[in-house]
Amino acid sequence: GAVSLAFTMMMFGFGLGGVITGRITDR
């Protein structure tokens, strides 16, 4: 479970990053 947190953090970064880089793309 502790190591699997890496996958959870990756998915969170993937989702949040999509919003941020999406905003950059629009600008």
mmCIF file of all heavy atoms, coordinates in Angstrom:
data_MODEL
# 
_entry.id   MODEL 
# 
loop_
_atom_site.group_PDB 
_atom_site.id 
_atom_site.type_symbol 
_atom_site.label_atom_id 
_atom_site.label_alt_id 
_atom_site.label_comp_id 
_atom_site.label_asym_id 
_atom_site.label_entity_id 
_atom_site.label_seq_id 
_atom_site.pdbx_PDB_ins_code 
_atom_site.Cartn_x 
_atom_site.Cartn_y 
_atom_site.Cartn_z 
_atom_site.occupancy 
_atom_site.B_iso_or_equiv 
_atom_site.pdbx_formal_charge 
_atom_site.auth_seq_id 
_atom_site.auth_comp_id 
_atom_site.auth_asym_id 
_atom_site.auth_atom_id 
_atom_site.pdbx_PDB_model_num 
ATOM 1   N N   . GLY A 1 1  ? 0.814  -1.210 0.000   1.00 0.00 ? 1  GLY A N   1 
ATOM 2   C CA  . GLY A 1 1  ? 0.000  0.000  0.000   1.00 0.00 ? 1  GLY A CA  1 
ATOM 3   C C   . GLY A 1 1  ? 0.847  1.260  0.000   1.00 0.00 ? 1  GLY A C   1 
ATOM 4   O O   . GLY A 1 1  ? 0.541  2.234  -0.698  1.00 0.00 ? 1  GLY A O   1 
ATOM 5   N N   . ALA A 1 2  ? 1.932  1.258  0.767   1.00 0.00 ? 2  ALA A N   1 
ATOM 6   C CA  . ALA A 1 2  ? 2.801  2.435  0.840   1.00 0.00 ? 2  ALA A CA  1 
ATOM 7   C C   . ALA A 1 2  ? 3.455  2.722  -0.506  1.00 0.00 ? 2  ALA A C   1 
ATOM 8   O O   . ALA A 1 2  ? 3.522  3.871  -0.950  1.00 0.00 ? 2  ALA A O   1 
ATOM 9   C CB  . ALA A 1 2  ? 3.866  2.232  1.911   1.00 0.00 ? 2  ALA A CB  1 
ATOM 10  N N   . VAL A 1 3  ? 3.923  1.679  -1.186  1.00 0.00 ? 3  VAL A N   1 
ATOM 11  C CA  . VAL A 1 3  ? 4.552  1.870  -2.496  1.00 0.00 ? 3  VAL A CA  1 
ATOM 12  C C   . VAL A 1 3  ? 3.511  2.266  -3.539  1.00 0.00 ? 3  VAL A C   1 
ATOM 13  O O   . VAL A 1 3  ? 3.792  3.064  -4.441  1.00 0.00 ? 3  VAL A O   1 
ATOM 14  C CB  . VAL A 1 3  ? 5.287  0.584  -2.929  1.00 0.00 ? 3  VAL A CB  1 
ATOM 15  C CG1 . VAL A 1 3  ? 5.947  0.781  -4.291  1.00 0.00 ? 3  VAL A CG1 1 
ATOM 16  C CG2 . VAL A 1 3  ? 6.325  0.196  -1.903  1.00 0.00 ? 3  VAL A CG2 1 
ATOM 17  N N   . SER A 1 4  ? 2.302  1.738  -3.414  1.00 0.00 ? 4  SER A N   1 
ATOM 18  C CA  . SER A 1 4  ? 1.237  2.052  -4.372  1.00 0.00 ? 4  SER A CA  1 
ATOM 19  C C   . SER A 1 4  ? 0.837  3.523  -4.335  1.00 0.00 ? 4  SER A C   1 
ATOM 20  O O   . SER A 1 4  ? 0.193  4.017  -5.264  1.00 0.00 ? 4  SER A O   1 
ATOM 21  C CB  . SER A 1 4  ? 0.008  1.182  -4.102  1.00 0.00 ? 4  SER A CB  1 
ATOM 22  O OG  . SER A 1 4  ? 0.313  -0.185 -4.300  1.00 0.00 ? 4  SER A OG  1 
ATOM 23  N N   . LEU A 1 5  ? 1.204  4.225  -3.257  1.00 0.00 ? 5  LEU A N   1 
ATOM 24  C CA  . LEU A 1 5  ? 0.927  5.657  -3.202  1.00 0.00 ? 5  LEU A CA  1 
ATOM 25  C C   . LEU A 1 5  ? 1.614  6.402  -4.348  1.00 0.00 ? 5  LEU A C   1 
ATOM 26  O O   . LEU A 1 5  ? 1.168  7.479  -4.749  1.00 0.00 ? 5  LEU A O   1 
ATOM 27  C CB  . LEU A 1 5  ? 1.395  6.239  -1.866  1.00 0.00 ? 5  LEU A CB  1 
ATOM 28  C CG  . LEU A 1 5  ? 0.481  6.006  -0.660  1.00 0.00 ? 5  LEU A CG  1 
ATOM 29  C CD1 . LEU A 1 5  ? 1.151  6.544  0.600   1.00 0.00 ? 5  LEU A CD1 1 
ATOM 30  C CD2 . LEU A 1 5  ? -0.875 6.674  -0.870  1.00 0.00 ? 5  LEU A CD2 1 
ATOM 31  N N   . ALA A 1 6  ? 2.683  5.821  -4.885  1.00 0.00 ? 6  ALA A N   1 
ATOM 32  C CA  . ALA A 1 6  ? 3.363  6.439  -6.027  1.00 0.00 ? 6  ALA A CA  1 
ATOM 33  C C   . ALA A 1 6  ? 2.406  6.531  -7.219  1.00 0.00 ? 6  ALA A C   1 
ATOM 34  O O   . ALA A 1 6  ? 2.381  7.540  -7.939  1.00 0.00 ? 6  ALA A O   1 
ATOM 35  C CB  . ALA A 1 6  ? 4.607  5.640  -6.403  1.00 0.00 ? 6  ALA A CB  1 
ATOM 36  N N   . PHE A 1 7  ? 1.620  5.476  -7.423  1.00 0.00 ? 7  PHE A N   1 
ATOM 37  C CA  . PHE A 1 7  ? 0.640  5.498  -8.514  1.00 0.00 ? 7  PHE A CA  1 
ATOM 38  C C   . PHE A 1 7  ? -0.436 6.549  -8.253  1.00 0.00 ? 7  PHE A C   1 
ATOM 39  O O   . PHE A 1 7  ? -0.826 7.296  -9.148  1.00 0.00 ? 7  PHE A O   1 
ATOM 40  C CB  . PHE A 1 7  ? -0.006 4.118  -8.668  1.00 0.00 ? 7  PHE A CB  1 
ATOM 41  C CG  . PHE A 1 7  ? -1.069 4.062  -9.739  1.00 0.00 ? 7  PHE A CG  1 
ATOM 42  C CD1 . PHE A 1 7  ? -0.713 3.925  -11.069 1.00 0.00 ? 7  PHE A CD1 1 
ATOM 43  C CD2 . PHE A 1 7  ? -2.420 4.154  -9.419  1.00 0.00 ? 7  PHE A CD2 1 
ATOM 44  C CE1 . PHE A 1 7  ? -1.681 3.886  -12.065 1.00 0.00 ? 7  PHE A CE1 1 
ATOM 45  C CE2 . PHE A 1 7  ? -3.390 4.111  -10.395 1.00 0.00 ? 7  PHE A CE2 1 
ATOM 46  C CZ  . PHE A 1 7  ? -3.022 3.983  -11.722 1.00 0.00 ? 7  PHE A CZ  1 
ATOM 47  N N   . THR A 1 8  ? -0.902 6.612  -7.004  1.00 0.00 ? 8  THR A N   1 
ATOM 48  C CA  . THR A 1 8  ? -1.920 7.604  -6.649  1.00 0.00 ? 8  THR A CA  1 
ATOM 49  C C   . THR A 1 8  ? -1.405 9.022  -6.875  1.00 0.00 ? 8  THR A C   1 
ATOM 50  O O   . THR A 1 8  ? -2.105 9.873  -7.436  1.00 0.00 ? 8  THR A O   1 
ATOM 51  C CB  . THR A 1 8  ? -2.341 7.429  -5.181  1.00 0.00 ? 8  THR A CB  1 
ATOM 52  O OG1 . THR A 1 8  ? -2.827 6.096  -4.986  1.00 0.00 ? 8  THR A OG1 1 
ATOM 53  C CG2 . THR A 1 8  ? -3.424 8.422  -4.804  1.00 0.00 ? 8  THR A CG2 1 
ATOM 54  N N   . MET A 1 9  ? -0.176 9.289  -6.443  1.00 0.00 ? 9  MET A N   1 
ATOM 55  C CA  . MET A 1 9  ? 0.408  10.615 -6.624  1.00 0.00 ? 9  MET A CA  1 
ATOM 56  C C   . MET A 1 9  ? 0.615  10.930 -8.102  1.00 0.00 ? 9  MET A C   1 
ATOM 57  O O   . MET A 1 9  ? 0.431  12.071 -8.540  1.00 0.00 ? 9  MET A O   1 
ATOM 58  C CB  . MET A 1 9  ? 1.738  10.702 -5.881  1.00 0.00 ? 9  MET A CB  1 
ATOM 59  C CG  . MET A 1 9  ? 1.605  10.658 -4.370  1.00 0.00 ? 9  MET A CG  1 
ATOM 60  S SD  . MET A 1 9  ? 0.589  12.014 -3.715  1.00 0.00 ? 9  MET A SD  1 
ATOM 61  C CE  . MET A 1 9  ? 1.653  13.414 -4.041  1.00 0.00 ? 9  MET A CE  1 
ATOM 62  N N   . MET A 1 10 ? 1.008  9.938  -8.878  1.00 0.00 ? 10 MET A N   1 
ATOM 63  C CA  . MET A 1 10 ? 1.181  10.138 -10.308 1.00 0.00 ? 10 MET A CA  1 
ATOM 64  C C   . MET A 1 10 ? -0.139 10.521 -10.968 1.00 0.00 ? 10 MET A C   1 
ATOM 65  O O   . MET A 1 10 ? -0.204 11.461 -11.775 1.00 0.00 ? 10 MET A O   1 
ATOM 66  C CB  . MET A 1 10 ? 1.751  8.864  -10.946 1.00 0.00 ? 10 MET A CB  1 
ATOM 67  C CG  . MET A 1 10 ? 2.060  8.972  -12.433 1.00 0.00 ? 10 MET A CG  1 
ATOM 68  S SD  . MET A 1 10 ? 0.603  8.709  -13.488 1.00 0.00 ? 10 MET A SD  1 
ATOM 69  C CE  . MET A 1 10 ? 0.161  7.040  -13.034 1.00 0.00 ? 10 MET A CE  1 
ATOM 70  N N   . MET A 1 11 ? -1.225 9.835  -10.599 1.00 0.00 ? 11 MET A N   1 
ATOM 71  C CA  . MET A 1 11 ? -2.536 10.134 -11.179 1.00 0.00 ? 11 MET A CA  1 
ATOM 72  C C   . MET A 1 11 ? -3.014 11.526 -10.759 1.00 0.00 ? 11 MET A C   1 
ATOM 73  O O   . MET A 1 11 ? -3.610 12.257 -11.561 1.00 0.00 ? 11 MET A O   1 
ATOM 74  C CB  . MET A 1 11 ? -3.546 9.074  -10.748 1.00 0.00 ? 11 MET A CB  1 
ATOM 75  C CG  . MET A 1 11 ? -3.313 7.714  -11.370 1.00 0.00 ? 11 MET A CG  1 
ATOM 76  S SD  . MET A 1 11 ? -3.432 7.720  -13.182 1.00 0.00 ? 11 MET A SD  1 
ATOM 77  C CE  . MET A 1 11 ? -5.206 7.949  -13.408 1.00 0.00 ? 11 MET A CE  1 
ATOM 78  N N   . PHE A 1 12 ? -2.748 11.897 -9.519  1.00 0.00 ? 12 PHE A N   1 
ATOM 79  C CA  . PHE A 1 12 ? -3.137 13.223 -9.062  1.00 0.00 ? 12 PHE A CA  1 
ATOM 80  C C   . PHE A 1 12 ? -2.364 14.298 -9.837  1.00 0.00 ? 12 PHE A C   1 
ATOM 81  O O   . PHE A 1 12 ? -2.925 15.311 -10.264 1.00 0.00 ? 12 PHE A O   1 
ATOM 82  C CB  . PHE A 1 12 ? -2.885 13.364 -7.564  1.00 0.00 ? 12 PHE A CB  1 
ATOM 83  C CG  . PHE A 1 12 ? -3.298 14.699 -7.006  1.00 0.00 ? 12 PHE A CG  1 
ATOM 84  C CD1 . PHE A 1 12 ? -4.631 15.069 -6.945  1.00 0.00 ? 12 PHE A CD1 1 
ATOM 85  C CD2 . PHE A 1 12 ? -2.342 15.605 -6.558  1.00 0.00 ? 12 PHE A CD2 1 
ATOM 86  C CE1 . PHE A 1 12 ? -5.014 16.310 -6.442  1.00 0.00 ? 12 PHE A CE1 1 
ATOM 87  C CE2 . PHE A 1 12 ? -2.706 16.845 -6.053  1.00 0.00 ? 12 PHE A CE2 1 
ATOM 88  C CZ  . PHE A 1 12 ? -4.047 17.203 -5.997  1.00 0.00 ? 12 PHE A CZ  1 
ATOM 89  N N   . GLY A 1 13 ? -1.054 14.087 -10.002 1.00 0.00 ? 13 GLY A N   1 
ATOM 90  C CA  . GLY A 1 13 ? -0.260 15.025 -10.787 1.00 0.00 ? 13 GLY A CA  1 
ATOM 91  C C   . GLY A 1 13 ? -0.712 15.078 -12.232 1.00 0.00 ? 13 GLY A C   1 
ATOM 92  O O   . GLY A 1 13 ? -0.744 16.153 -12.853 1.00 0.00 ? 13 GLY A O   1 
ATOM 93  N N   . PHE A 1 14 ? -1.080 13.925 -12.779 1.00 0.00 ? 14 PHE A N   1 
ATOM 94  C CA  . PHE A 1 14 ? -1.571 13.840 -14.154 1.00 0.00 ? 14 PHE A CA  1 
ATOM 95  C C   . PHE A 1 14 ? -2.858 14.651 -14.321 1.00 0.00 ? 14 PHE A C   1 
ATOM 96  O O   . PHE A 1 14 ? -3.016 15.412 -15.283 1.00 0.00 ? 14 PHE A O   1 
ATOM 97  C CB  . PHE A 1 14 ? -1.826 12.365 -14.499 1.00 0.00 ? 14 PHE A CB  1 
ATOM 98  C CG  . PHE A 1 14 ? -2.443 12.130 -15.841 1.00 0.00 ? 14 PHE A CG  1 
ATOM 99  C CD1 . PHE A 1 14 ? -1.704 12.294 -17.005 1.00 0.00 ? 14 PHE A CD1 1 
ATOM 100 C CD2 . PHE A 1 14 ? -3.767 11.727 -15.951 1.00 0.00 ? 14 PHE A CD2 1 
ATOM 101 C CE1 . PHE A 1 14 ? -2.273 12.063 -18.250 1.00 0.00 ? 14 PHE A CE1 1 
ATOM 102 C CE2 . PHE A 1 14 ? -4.347 11.500 -17.188 1.00 0.00 ? 14 PHE A CE2 1 
ATOM 103 C CZ  . PHE A 1 14 ? -3.591 11.658 -18.341 1.00 0.00 ? 14 PHE A CZ  1 
ATOM 104 N N   . GLY A 1 15 ? -3.789 14.508 -13.373 1.00 0.00 ? 15 GLY A N   1 
ATOM 105 C CA  . GLY A 1 15 ? -5.054 15.233 -13.461 1.00 0.00 ? 15 GLY A CA  1 
ATOM 106 C C   . GLY A 1 15 ? -4.885 16.727 -13.244 1.00 0.00 ? 15 GLY A C   1 
ATOM 107 O O   . GLY A 1 15 ? -5.395 17.546 -14.030 1.00 0.00 ? 15 GLY A O   1 
ATOM 108 N N   . LEU A 1 16 ? -4.176 17.105 -12.184 1.00 0.00 ? 16 LEU A N   1 
ATOM 109 C CA  . LEU A 1 16 ? -3.950 18.522 -11.902 1.00 0.00 ? 16 LEU A CA  1 
ATOM 110 C C   . LEU A 1 16 ? -3.128 19.180 -13.006 1.00 0.00 ? 16 LEU A C   1 
ATOM 111 O O   . LEU A 1 16 ? -3.418 20.305 -13.433 1.00 0.00 ? 16 LEU A O   1 
ATOM 112 C CB  . LEU A 1 16 ? -3.234 18.667 -10.557 1.00 0.00 ? 16 LEU A CB  1 
ATOM 113 C CG  . LEU A 1 16 ? -2.930 20.101 -10.091 1.00 0.00 ? 16 LEU A CG  1 
ATOM 114 C CD1 . LEU A 1 16 ? -4.225 20.888 -9.918  1.00 0.00 ? 16 LEU A CD1 1 
ATOM 115 C CD2 . LEU A 1 16 ? -2.129 20.091 -8.798  1.00 0.00 ? 16 LEU A CD2 1 
ATOM 116 N N   . GLY A 1 17 ? -2.127 18.463 -13.483 1.00 0.00 ? 17 GLY A N   1 
ATOM 117 C CA  . GLY A 1 17 ? -1.291 19.003 -14.553 1.00 0.00 ? 17 GLY A CA  1 
ATOM 118 C C   . GLY A 1 17 ? -2.066 19.230 -15.831 1.00 0.00 ? 17 GLY A C   1 
ATOM 119 O O   . GLY A 1 17 ? -1.750 20.159 -16.592 1.00 0.00 ? 17 GLY A O   1 
ATOM 120 N N   . GLY A 1 18 ? -3.085 18.399 -16.081 1.00 0.00 ? 18 GLY A N   1 
ATOM 121 C CA  . GLY A 1 18 ? -3.907 18.588 -17.278 1.00 0.00 ? 18 GLY A CA  1 
ATOM 122 C C   . GLY A 1 18 ? -4.617 19.928 -17.267 1.00 0.00 ? 18 GLY A C   1 
ATOM 123 O O   . GLY A 1 18 ? -4.760 20.585 -18.306 1.00 0.00 ? 18 GLY A O   1 
ATOM 124 N N   . VAL A 1 19 ? -5.071 20.351 -16.086 1.00 0.00 ? 19 VAL A N   1 
ATOM 125 C CA  . VAL A 1 19 ? -5.731 21.658 -15.960 1.00 0.00 ? 19 VAL A CA  1 
ATOM 126 C C   . VAL A 1 19 ? -4.722 22.784 -16.168 1.00 0.00 ? 19 VAL A C   1 
ATOM 127 O O   . VAL A 1 19 ? -4.974 23.753 -16.886 1.00 0.00 ? 19 VAL A O   1 
ATOM 128 C CB  . VAL A 1 19 ? -6.405 21.793 -14.578 1.00 0.00 ? 19 VAL A CB  1 
ATOM 129 C CG1 . VAL A 1 19 ? -7.081 23.156 -14.452 1.00 0.00 ? 19 VAL A CG1 1 
ATOM 130 C CG2 . VAL A 1 19 ? -7.431 20.677 -14.377 1.00 0.00 ? 19 VAL A CG2 1 
ATOM 131 N N   . ILE A 1 20 ? -3.550 22.651 -15.535 1.00 0.00 ? 20 ILE A N   1 
ATOM 132 C CA  . ILE A 1 20 ? -2.531 23.705 -15.614 1.00 0.00 ? 20 ILE A CA  1 
ATOM 133 C C   . ILE A 1 20 ? -1.989 23.842 -17.036 1.00 0.00 ? 20 ILE A C   1 
ATOM 134 O O   . ILE A 1 20 ? -1.948 24.941 -17.604 1.00 0.00 ? 20 ILE A O   1 
ATOM 135 C CB  . ILE A 1 20 ? -1.385 23.419 -14.637 1.00 0.00 ? 20 ILE A CB  1 
ATOM 136 C CG1 . ILE A 1 20 ? -1.892 23.440 -13.192 1.00 0.00 ? 20 ILE A CG1 1 
ATOM 137 C CG2 . ILE A 1 20 ? -0.255 24.431 -14.813 1.00 0.00 ? 20 ILE A CG2 1 
ATOM 138 C CD1 . ILE A 1 20 ? -0.886 22.948 -12.179 1.00 0.00 ? 20 ILE A CD1 1 
ATOM 139 N N   . THR A 1 21 ? -1.565 22.723 -17.634 1.00 0.00 ? 21 THR A N   1 
ATOM 140 C CA  . THR A 1 21 ? -1.021 22.787 -18.987 1.00 0.00 ? 21 THR A CA  1 
ATOM 141 C C   . THR A 1 21 ? -2.108 23.105 -20.013 1.00 0.00 ? 21 THR A C   1 
ATOM 142 O O   . THR A 1 21 ? -1.819 23.676 -21.062 1.00 0.00 ? 21 THR A O   1 
ATOM 143 C CB  . THR A 1 21 ? -0.317 21.469 -19.369 1.00 0.00 ? 21 THR A CB  1 
ATOM 144 O OG1 . THR A 1 21 ? -1.217 20.357 -19.173 1.00 0.00 ? 21 THR A OG1 1 
ATOM 145 C CG2 . THR A 1 21 ? 0.937  21.260 -18.542 1.00 0.00 ? 21 THR A CG2 1 
ATOM 146 N N   . GLY A 1 22 ? -3.354 22.754 -19.687 1.00 0.00 ? 22 GLY A N   1 
ATOM 147 C CA  . GLY A 1 22 ? -4.461 23.147 -20.557 1.00 0.00 ? 22 GLY A CA  1 
ATOM 148 C C   . GLY A 1 22 ? -4.628 24.655 -20.588 1.00 0.00 ? 22 GLY A C   1 
ATOM 149 O O   . GLY A 1 22 ? -4.855 25.263 -21.646 1.00 0.00 ? 22 GLY A O   1 
ATOM 150 N N   . ARG A 1 23 ? -4.508 25.273 -19.416 1.00 0.00 ? 23 ARG A N   1 
ATOM 151 C CA  . ARG A 1 23 ? -4.600 26.734 -19.331 1.00 0.00 ? 23 ARG A CA  1 
ATOM 152 C C   . ARG A 1 23 ? -3.462 27.394 -20.094 1.00 0.00 ? 23 ARG A C   1 
ATOM 153 O O   . ARG A 1 23 ? -3.661 28.386 -20.799 1.00 0.00 ? 23 ARG A O   1 
ATOM 154 C CB  . ARG A 1 23 ? -4.567 27.152 -17.861 1.00 0.00 ? 23 ARG A CB  1 
ATOM 155 C CG  . ARG A 1 23 ? -4.779 28.647 -17.626 1.00 0.00 ? 23 ARG A CG  1 
ATOM 156 C CD  . ARG A 1 23 ? -6.150 29.079 -18.059 1.00 0.00 ? 23 ARG A CD  1 
ATOM 157 N NE  . ARG A 1 23 ? -6.417 30.455 -17.687 1.00 0.00 ? 23 ARG A NE  1 
ATOM 158 C CZ  . ARG A 1 23 ? -7.455 31.155 -18.130 1.00 0.00 ? 23 ARG A CZ  1 
ATOM 159 N NH1 . ARG A 1 23 ? -8.331 30.586 -18.954 1.00 0.00 ? 23 ARG A NH1 1 
ATOM 160 N NH2 . ARG A 1 23 ? -7.632 32.394 -17.752 1.00 0.00 ? 23 ARG A NH2 1 
ATOM 161 N N   . ILE A 1 24 ? -2.259 26.830 -19.944 1.00 0.00 ? 24 ILE A N   1 
ATOM 162 C CA  . ILE A 1 24 ? -1.104 27.356 -20.678 1.00 0.00 ? 24 ILE A CA  1 
ATOM 163 C C   . ILE A 1 24 ? -1.323 27.223 -22.179 1.00 0.00 ? 24 ILE A C   1 
ATOM 164 O O   . ILE A 1 24 ? -1.015 28.146 -22.955 1.00 0.00 ? 24 ILE A O   1 
ATOM 165 C CB  . ILE A 1 24 ? 0.179  26.613 -20.251 1.00 0.00 ? 24 ILE A CB  1 
ATOM 166 C CG1 . ILE A 1 24 ? 0.503  26.911 -18.788 1.00 0.00 ? 24 ILE A CG1 1 
ATOM 167 C CG2 . ILE A 1 24 ? 1.363  27.009 -21.140 1.00 0.00 ? 24 ILE A CG2 1 
ATOM 168 C CD1 . ILE A 1 24 ? 1.625  26.055 -18.224 1.00 0.00 ? 24 ILE A CD1 1 
ATOM 169 N N   . THR A 1 25 ? -1.882 26.088 -22.599 1.00 0.00 ? 25 THR A N   1 
ATOM 170 C CA  . THR A 1 25 ? -2.145 25.865 -24.017 1.00 0.00 ? 25 THR A CA  1 
ATOM 171 C C   . THR A 1 25 ? -3.129 26.891 -24.560 1.00 0.00 ? 25 THR A C   1 
ATOM 172 O O   . THR A 1 25 ? -2.949 27.417 -25.663 1.00 0.00 ? 25 THR A O   1 
ATOM 173 C CB  . THR A 1 25 ? -2.691 24.441 -24.239 1.00 0.00 ? 25 THR A CB  1 
ATOM 174 O OG1 . THR A 1 25 ? -1.729 23.481 -23.783 1.00 0.00 ? 25 THR A OG1 1 
ATOM 175 C CG2 . THR A 1 25 ? -2.985 24.184 -25.707 1.00 0.00 ? 25 THR A CG2 1 
ATOM 176 N N   . ASP A 1 26 ? -4.189 27.169 -23.802 1.00 0.00 ? 26 ASP A N   1 
ATOM 177 C CA  . ASP A 1 26 ? -5.171 28.161 -24.245 1.00 0.00 ? 26 ASP A CA  1 
ATOM 178 C C   . ASP A 1 26 ? -4.561 29.553 -24.345 1.00 0.00 ? 26 ASP A C   1 
ATOM 179 O O   . ASP A 1 26 ? -4.976 30.360 -25.187 1.00 0.00 ? 26 ASP A O   1 
ATOM 180 C CB  . ASP A 1 26 ? -6.364 28.190 -23.284 1.00 0.00 ? 26 ASP A CB  1 
ATOM 181 C CG  . ASP A 1 26 ? -7.298 27.003 -23.478 1.00 0.00 ? 26 ASP A CG  1 
ATOM 182 O OD1 . ASP A 1 26 ? -7.321 26.459 -24.594 1.00 0.00 ? 26 ASP A OD1 1 
ATOM 183 O OD2 . ASP A 1 26 ? -7.993 26.629 -22.518 1.00 0.00 ? 26 ASP A OD2 1 
ATOM 184 N N   . ARG A 1 27 ? -3.593 29.846 -23.482 1.00 0.00 ? 27 ARG A N   1 
ATOM 185 C CA  . ARG A 1 27 ? -3.003 31.184 -23.456 1.00 0.00 ? 27 ARG A CA  1 
ATOM 186 C C   . ARG A 1 27 ? -1.910 31.354 -24.506 1.00 0.00 ? 27 ARG A C   1 
ATOM 187 O O   . ARG A 1 27 ? -1.885 32.348 -25.238 1.00 0.00 ? 27 ARG A O   1 
ATOM 188 C CB  . ARG A 1 27 ? -2.438 31.478 -22.062 1.00 0.00 ? 27 ARG A CB  1 
ATOM 189 C CG  . ARG A 1 27 ? -3.484 31.711 -20.981 1.00 0.00 ? 27 ARG A CG  1 
ATOM 190 C CD  . ARG A 1 27 ? -4.282 32.995 -21.259 1.00 0.00 ? 27 ARG A CD  1 
ATOM 191 N NE  . ARG A 1 27 ? -5.213 33.293 -20.184 1.00 0.00 ? 27 ARG A NE  1 
ATOM 192 C CZ  . ARG A 1 27 ? -4.915 34.040 -19.121 1.00 0.00 ? 27 ARG A CZ  1 
ATOM 193 N NH1 . ARG A 1 27 ? -3.695 34.530 -18.980 1.00 0.00 ? 27 ARG A NH1 1 
ATOM 194 N NH2 . ARG A 1 27 ? -5.836 34.278 -18.206 1.00 0.00 ? 27 ARG A NH2 1 
# 
